[in-house]
């Protein structure tokens, strides 16, 4: 069995900074769930209210193809729309 990963409050602060959302919770036993929720939100986009979860590896590959890194969200939106038009036809 693999050893457990122990996160300190400093680790949580660093992760919060990276994610752009506070992970800290009052109940230490709830931190794991909160962390999973945060990661899930980072890998999910919504199309007309339909959540679409993208694998982290796919997101990394998409980000590597975006030349305008600060505007990744706009670029991703354009790619999704273009691909759906290509799939369904114009």
Protein backbone atom coordinates (compact mmCIF):
# COMPACT_ATOMS: atom_id res chain seq x y z
CA UNK A 1 0.00 0.00 0.00
CA UNK A 2 1.34 3.42 -0.92
CA UNK A 3 2.09 5.86 1.89
CA UNK A 4 -0.40 8.64 2.54
CA UNK A 5 0.28 12.12 1.24
CA UNK A 6 0.29 14.68 4.02
CA UNK A 7 -0.57 18.28 3.15
CA UNK A 8 0.37 21.09 5.47
CA UNK A 9 -1.55 24.35 5.72
CA UNK A 10 1.27 25.93 3.68
CA UNK A 11 0.67 23.29 0.97
CA UNK A 12 -3.03 24.12 0.98
CA UNK A 13 -2.22 27.82 0.69
CA UNK A 14 0.04 27.10 -2.30
CA UNK A 15 -2.63 24.95 -3.93
CA UNK A 16 -5.23 27.65 -3.28
CA UNK A 17 -2.98 30.15 -5.02
CA UNK A 18 -2.47 27.87 -8.02
CA UNK A 19 -6.17 27.01 -8.31
CA UNK A 20 -7.35 30.53 -7.64
CA UNK A 21 -9.74 29.40 -4.94
CA UNK A 22 -9.46 28.97 -1.19
CA UNK A 23 -9.26 25.29 -0.24
CA UNK A 24 -9.17 25.80 3.50
CA UNK A 25 -12.08 24.38 5.44
CA UNK A 26 -12.81 24.39 9.16
CA UNK A 27 -13.13 20.61 9.42
CA UNK A 28 -9.79 18.97 8.50
CA UNK A 29 -11.57 15.76 7.46
CA UNK A 30 -13.41 17.75 4.76
CA UNK A 31 -10.25 19.04 3.08
CA UNK A 32 -9.91 15.97 0.86
CA UNK A 33 -13.43 16.42 -0.48
CA UNK A 34 -12.91 20.13 -1.02
CA UNK A 35 -9.67 19.45 -2.90
CA UNK A 36 -11.41 16.93 -5.17
CA UNK A 37 -14.22 19.43 -5.81
CA UNK A 38 -11.72 22.12 -6.77
CA UNK A 39 -9.89 19.83 -9.18
CA UNK A 40 -13.19 18.69 -10.65
CA UNK A 41 -14.23 22.28 -11.29
CA UNK A 42 -10.90 23.01 -12.95
CA UNK A 43 -11.37 20.19 -15.42
CA UNK A 44 -15.03 20.84 -16.23
CA UNK A 45 -16.51 23.20 -18.78
CA UNK A 46 -20.20 23.84 -19.27
CA UNK A 47 -22.08 24.01 -22.56
CA UNK A 48 -25.64 25.28 -22.16
CA UNK A 49 -25.54 24.11 -18.57
CA UNK A 50 -24.28 20.64 -19.52
CA UNK A 51 -21.08 19.92 -17.58
CA UNK A 52 -18.33 18.41 -19.73
CA UNK A 53 -15.34 17.10 -17.79
CA UNK A 54 -12.03 17.14 -19.64
CA UNK A 55 -9.15 14.92 -18.60
CA UNK A 56 -6.25 16.89 -17.09
CA UNK A 57 -3.94 15.49 -19.79
CA UNK A 58 -6.26 16.82 -22.50
CA UNK A 59 -6.38 20.23 -20.83
CA UNK A 60 -2.56 20.34 -20.74
CA UNK A 61 -2.42 19.45 -24.42
CA UNK A 62 -4.96 22.15 -25.24
CA UNK A 63 -3.02 24.72 -23.23
CA UNK A 64 0.16 23.81 -25.09
CA UNK A 65 -1.58 24.63 -28.38
CA UNK A 66 -2.93 28.00 -27.24
CA UNK A 67 -0.57 30.75 -28.34
CA UNK A 68 -2.41 33.43 -26.33
CA UNK A 69 -2.01 31.89 -22.85
CA UNK A 70 -3.66 34.74 -20.86
CA UNK A 71 -6.81 34.34 -22.98
CA UNK A 72 -7.01 30.54 -22.84
CA UNK A 73 -10.70 30.62 -21.86
CA UNK A 74 -11.61 32.69 -24.95
CA UNK A 75 -9.46 30.48 -27.18
CA UNK A 76 -11.00 27.29 -25.76
CA UNK A 77 -14.49 28.67 -26.31
CA UNK A 78 -13.64 29.35 -29.97
CA UNK A 79 -12.15 25.89 -30.45
CA UNK A 80 -15.20 24.16 -28.95
CA UNK A 81 -17.59 26.19 -31.12
CA UNK A 82 -15.54 25.55 -34.27
CA UNK A 83 -15.29 21.82 -33.61
CA UNK A 84 -19.02 21.53 -32.93
CA UNK A 85 -19.75 23.40 -36.18
CA UNK A 86 -17.36 21.08 -38.01
CA UNK A 87 -19.12 18.06 -36.48
CA UNK A 88 -22.68 19.23 -37.19
CA UNK A 89 -22.05 21.24 -40.32
CA UNK A 90 -22.50 24.93 -40.90
